[in-house]
N, C-alpha and C. Protein backbone atom coordinates (compact mmCIF):
# COMPACT_ATOMS: atom_id res chain seq x y z
N MET A 1 90.88 53.18 19.83
CA MET A 1 91.84 52.22 20.62
C MET A 1 92.02 52.39 22.06
N THR A 2 92.07 51.47 22.66
CA THR A 2 92.78 51.48 24.46
C THR A 2 93.85 50.46 24.00
N VAL A 3 95.09 51.08 24.96
CA VAL A 3 96.19 50.47 25.14
C VAL A 3 96.15 49.43 26.67
N PHE A 4 96.66 49.09 26.88
CA PHE A 4 97.11 47.93 28.11
C PHE A 4 98.39 47.86 27.94
N ALA A 5 98.86 48.33 29.07
CA ALA A 5 100.37 48.02 29.74
C ALA A 5 100.27 46.72 30.50
N GLY A 6 101.28 45.68 29.94
CA GLY A 6 100.60 44.73 30.36
C GLY A 6 102.17 43.96 30.91
N LEU A 7 102.16 42.60 31.30
CA LEU A 7 103.42 41.67 31.39
C LEU A 7 104.79 42.00 30.08
N PHE A 8 103.85 41.51 28.92
CA PHE A 8 104.45 41.38 28.05
C PHE A 8 104.79 42.65 27.12
N GLY A 9 104.45 43.80 27.34
CA GLY A 9 104.42 44.97 26.79
C GLY A 9 103.36 45.60 26.12
N GLU A 10 102.88 46.76 25.67
CA GLU A 10 101.62 46.88 25.13
C GLU A 10 100.75 45.93 24.81
N THR A 11 99.56 46.15 24.32
CA THR A 11 98.49 45.69 23.87
C THR A 11 97.40 45.58 23.74
N THR A 12 96.42 46.25 22.59
CA THR A 12 95.39 46.84 22.37
C THR A 12 94.25 46.19 22.49
N SER A 13 93.01 46.53 22.87
CA SER A 13 92.02 45.68 22.89
C SER A 13 91.46 45.55 21.92
N GLU A 14 92.06 45.02 20.55
CA GLU A 14 91.62 44.54 18.84
C GLU A 14 92.65 42.91 19.44
N ASP A 15 93.43 43.30 20.32
CA ASP A 15 94.19 41.63 20.69
C ASP A 15 92.87 40.38 21.87
N PHE A 16 91.94 41.41 21.79
CA PHE A 16 91.14 40.51 22.63
C PHE A 16 89.72 40.41 22.32
N TRP A 17 89.74 40.88 21.35
CA TRP A 17 88.30 40.54 20.18
C TRP A 17 87.58 39.02 20.67
N PRO A 18 88.63 38.00 19.95
CA PRO A 18 87.76 36.37 20.67
C PRO A 18 87.25 36.22 21.98
N TYR A 19 88.06 37.02 22.68
CA TYR A 19 87.68 36.96 24.25
C TYR A 19 85.84 37.92 24.52
N TYR A 20 85.91 39.25 23.52
CA TYR A 20 84.70 39.95 24.19
C TYR A 20 83.77 39.49 23.19
N TYR A 21 83.97 38.60 21.65
CA TYR A 21 82.92 37.95 21.60
C TYR A 21 82.16 36.72 21.77
N LEU A 22 82.78 35.78 22.60
CA LEU A 22 82.50 34.60 23.17
C LEU A 22 81.67 34.71 24.49
N THR A 23 82.21 36.11 25.73
CA THR A 23 81.56 36.57 26.74
C THR A 23 79.92 37.02 25.94
N SER A 24 80.21 37.59 24.85
CA SER A 24 78.80 38.28 24.99
C SER A 24 77.81 37.14 24.39
N VAL A 25 78.33 36.64 23.64
CA VAL A 25 77.10 35.52 22.76
C VAL A 25 76.51 34.40 23.83
N LEU A 26 77.57 34.22 25.06
CA LEU A 26 77.74 33.25 25.67
C LEU A 26 76.48 33.99 26.90
N PHE A 27 76.31 35.20 27.47
CA PHE A 27 75.89 35.74 28.11
C PHE A 27 74.76 35.91 27.97
N HIS A 28 74.19 36.02 26.64
CA HIS A 28 72.82 36.34 25.98
C HIS A 28 72.38 35.40 25.46
N VAL A 29 73.00 34.49 25.53
CA VAL A 29 72.01 33.08 25.21
C VAL A 29 70.83 32.49 26.63
N PRO A 30 70.02 32.19 26.93
CA PRO A 30 69.52 31.76 27.97
C PRO A 30 69.70 30.62 27.98
N ILE A 31 69.67 30.33 29.85
CA ILE A 31 71.02 29.16 30.09
C ILE A 31 69.46 27.25 29.84
N SER A 32 68.39 27.58 29.40
CA SER A 32 67.10 26.75 29.05
C SER A 32 67.65 26.19 27.94
N LEU A 33 68.47 27.10 27.35
CA LEU A 33 68.78 27.02 25.68
C LEU A 33 69.91 26.25 25.10
N LEU A 34 70.97 26.73 26.38
CA LEU A 34 72.53 26.53 26.89
C LEU A 34 72.04 24.78 26.97
N ILE A 35 71.46 24.51 28.07
CA ILE A 35 71.67 23.03 28.70
C ILE A 35 70.10 21.95 27.83
N ARG A 36 69.31 23.02 27.47
CA ARG A 36 68.46 21.61 26.45
C ARG A 36 69.16 21.71 25.19
N GLY A 37 70.28 22.77 24.46
CA GLY A 37 70.18 22.56 23.08
C GLY A 37 72.16 21.89 23.06
N ILE A 38 72.53 21.94 24.20
CA ILE A 38 73.83 21.98 24.17
C ILE A 38 74.45 20.57 24.60
N LEU A 39 73.57 20.62 26.04
CA LEU A 39 74.43 19.71 26.98
C LEU A 39 73.38 18.86 27.29
N LEU A 40 72.17 19.02 27.02
CA LEU A 40 71.11 17.65 26.60
C LEU A 40 72.15 16.74 25.70
N PRO A 41 72.14 17.20 24.65
CA PRO A 41 72.49 16.38 23.48
C PRO A 41 73.87 16.21 23.94
N LEU A 42 74.95 16.52 24.02
CA LEU A 42 75.92 15.92 24.74
C LEU A 42 75.94 14.48 25.83
N GLY A 43 74.89 15.15 26.30
CA GLY A 43 75.75 13.88 28.02
C GLY A 43 74.29 12.48 26.99
N LEU A 44 73.36 12.66 26.22
CA LEU A 44 73.25 11.36 25.61
C LEU A 44 74.30 11.32 24.28
N LEU A 45 74.61 11.87 23.88
CA LEU A 45 75.92 11.11 22.40
C LEU A 45 76.89 10.43 23.09
N TYR A 46 77.09 10.87 24.41
CA TYR A 46 78.35 10.32 25.08
C TYR A 46 78.51 9.02 25.07
N PRO A 47 77.44 8.51 25.84
CA PRO A 47 76.86 7.18 26.42
C PRO A 47 76.86 6.20 24.72
N ILE A 48 76.06 6.41 24.12
CA ILE A 48 76.07 6.08 22.56
C ILE A 48 77.34 5.96 21.94
N CYS A 49 78.09 6.95 21.97
CA CYS A 49 79.75 6.88 21.35
C CYS A 49 80.54 5.52 22.28
N LEU A 50 80.45 5.87 23.71
CA LEU A 50 81.15 4.70 24.22
C LEU A 50 80.66 3.00 24.23
N VAL A 51 79.19 3.01 23.80
CA VAL A 51 78.92 1.93 23.73
C VAL A 51 79.30 0.76 22.64
N VAL A 52 79.47 1.85 20.76
CA VAL A 52 79.72 1.66 20.05
C VAL A 52 81.58 1.43 20.10
N TYR A 53 82.07 2.23 20.74
CA TYR A 53 83.47 2.27 21.03
C TYR A 53 83.97 0.72 21.84
N ARG A 54 83.24 0.19 22.69
CA ARG A 54 83.64 -0.57 23.54
C ARG A 54 82.89 -1.68 22.44
N LEU A 55 82.20 -1.72 22.14
CA LEU A 55 81.89 -3.12 21.79
C LEU A 55 82.36 -3.58 20.27
N TYR A 56 82.46 -2.74 19.47
CA TYR A 56 83.14 -2.34 17.98
C TYR A 56 84.45 -1.96 17.84
N LEU A 57 84.91 -0.91 18.28
CA LEU A 57 86.11 -0.61 18.02
C LEU A 57 87.19 -0.62 18.98
N HIS A 58 87.20 -1.33 20.05
CA HIS A 58 87.79 -1.69 21.69
C HIS A 58 88.80 -2.68 20.94
N PRO A 59 90.37 -2.77 21.55
CA PRO A 59 91.08 -3.71 20.95
C PRO A 59 90.20 -5.12 21.18
N LEU A 60 89.39 -5.49 22.16
CA LEU A 60 89.19 -6.42 23.21
C LEU A 60 87.96 -6.55 22.35
N ALA A 61 87.62 -6.05 21.14
CA ALA A 61 86.02 -6.04 21.11
C ALA A 61 86.04 -7.62 19.89
N ARG A 62 87.18 -7.84 19.53
CA ARG A 62 87.11 -8.80 19.06
C ARG A 62 86.96 -10.43 18.85
N PHE A 63 87.11 -10.35 20.89
CA PHE A 63 86.96 -11.52 21.44
C PHE A 63 85.51 -12.07 21.89
N PRO A 64 85.20 -12.93 22.14
CA PRO A 64 83.42 -13.63 22.23
C PRO A 64 83.70 -13.29 23.76
N GLY A 65 81.78 -13.19 23.88
CA GLY A 65 81.54 -12.78 25.57
C GLY A 65 80.64 -11.80 25.59
N PRO A 66 80.02 -12.20 26.86
CA PRO A 66 78.25 -11.17 26.87
C PRO A 66 78.96 -9.84 26.27
N LYS A 67 77.83 -9.37 25.85
CA LYS A 67 77.84 -8.09 25.52
C LYS A 67 77.83 -7.45 26.52
N LEU A 68 77.11 -7.42 27.55
CA LEU A 68 76.64 -6.76 28.28
C LEU A 68 78.08 -6.64 29.32
N ALA A 69 78.62 -7.71 29.80
CA ALA A 69 79.92 -7.23 30.06
C ALA A 69 80.82 -6.39 29.55
N ALA A 70 80.91 -6.82 28.51
CA ALA A 70 81.66 -5.76 27.56
C ALA A 70 81.17 -4.56 27.69
N VAL A 71 79.95 -3.99 27.36
CA VAL A 71 79.61 -2.93 27.45
C VAL A 71 80.12 -1.83 28.81
N THR A 72 79.77 -2.33 30.02
CA THR A 72 79.88 -2.28 31.14
C THR A 72 80.18 -2.09 32.54
N SER A 73 80.71 -2.53 33.36
CA SER A 73 81.23 -2.79 34.33
C SER A 73 80.06 -3.09 35.61
N TRP A 74 79.06 -2.82 35.30
CA TRP A 74 78.02 -3.13 36.49
C TRP A 74 77.54 -4.38 36.49
N TYR A 75 77.58 -5.21 35.68
CA TYR A 75 77.64 -6.46 35.44
C TYR A 75 78.14 -6.54 36.45
N GLU A 76 79.38 -6.88 36.39
CA GLU A 76 80.51 -7.04 37.46
C GLU A 76 79.99 -7.77 38.89
N PHE A 77 80.30 -5.91 38.57
CA PHE A 77 79.62 -5.41 39.88
C PHE A 77 78.01 -6.06 40.83
N TYR A 78 76.61 -6.47 39.71
CA TYR A 78 76.02 -7.01 39.97
C TYR A 78 76.01 -8.62 40.51
N LEU A 79 77.12 -8.70 39.81
CA LEU A 79 77.91 -10.51 40.56
C LEU A 79 78.16 -10.65 41.61
N ASN A 80 79.20 -9.52 42.03
CA ASN A 80 79.50 -9.46 43.43
C ASN A 80 78.77 -9.17 44.26
N ALA A 81 78.15 -8.28 44.16
CA ALA A 81 77.48 -6.97 45.56
C ALA A 81 76.04 -7.96 45.93
N VAL A 82 75.65 -8.19 44.44
CA VAL A 82 73.88 -9.02 44.76
C VAL A 82 74.10 -10.45 44.53
N LYS A 83 74.92 -11.15 43.69
CA LYS A 83 75.11 -12.10 43.80
C LYS A 83 76.24 -13.40 44.51
N ASP A 84 76.44 -12.11 45.66
CA ASP A 84 77.33 -13.12 46.36
C ASP A 84 78.95 -13.20 45.82
N GLY A 85 79.61 -12.40 45.07
CA GLY A 85 80.71 -12.87 44.66
C GLY A 85 81.19 -13.55 43.82
N GLN A 86 79.86 -13.91 42.63
CA GLN A 86 79.57 -14.66 41.83
C GLN A 86 81.18 -14.84 40.49
N ALA A 87 81.48 -13.22 40.43
CA ALA A 87 81.94 -13.01 39.36
C ALA A 87 83.21 -13.90 39.04
N THR A 88 84.00 -14.69 40.06
CA THR A 88 84.76 -15.39 39.61
C THR A 88 84.47 -16.78 39.12
N HIS A 89 83.23 -16.97 39.66
CA HIS A 89 82.69 -18.48 38.90
C HIS A 89 82.13 -18.40 37.81
N LYS A 90 81.26 -16.71 37.27
CA LYS A 90 80.82 -16.64 36.14
C LYS A 90 82.32 -16.73 34.87
N ARG A 91 83.46 -15.71 35.44
CA ARG A 91 83.97 -15.69 34.62
C ARG A 91 85.29 -17.25 34.38
N LYS A 92 85.11 -18.04 35.17
CA LYS A 92 85.53 -19.44 34.97
C LYS A 92 84.18 -20.28 33.65
N GLU A 93 82.82 -19.82 34.04
CA GLU A 93 82.21 -20.34 32.81
C GLU A 93 81.91 -20.04 31.68
N TRP A 94 82.52 -18.47 32.00
CA TRP A 94 83.15 -17.57 30.47
C TRP A 94 84.09 -18.38 29.77
N HIS A 95 85.14 -18.59 30.86
CA HIS A 95 85.99 -19.18 29.81
C HIS A 95 85.97 -20.95 29.62
N GLU A 96 85.00 -21.29 29.58
CA GLU A 96 84.48 -22.41 29.44
C GLU A 96 83.87 -22.61 28.06
N LYS A 97 83.07 -21.74 28.21
CA LYS A 97 82.09 -21.31 26.74
C LYS A 97 82.34 -20.52 25.89
N TYR A 98 83.47 -20.06 26.09
CA TYR A 98 83.67 -18.28 25.12
C TYR A 98 85.50 -18.89 24.38
N GLY A 99 85.56 -20.06 25.56
CA GLY A 99 87.53 -20.10 24.85
C GLY A 99 88.28 -19.18 26.05
N GLU A 100 89.51 -19.73 25.69
CA GLU A 100 90.51 -18.62 26.79
C GLU A 100 90.85 -17.98 25.30
């Protein structure tokens, strides 16, 4: 047993076992497995969960309107950048169509 003199008194090496266990596990996992097994599924799961939240669970989800505009702000960017600032006119149309 090794004793370390630290800021908060003496600690033993047994106090650091979670750190040693995690580092030994992480450093022996190939990076390709880490990317394919953990990061890729999380990268795919996050956008799916975000779409489900915005369409069904968000407080504004109960209001009618175009679903693409509810899911992403890229639709408004498209109307402003490509369609020469038509987002304001589209919002007026949507208020007439779907109500206020």
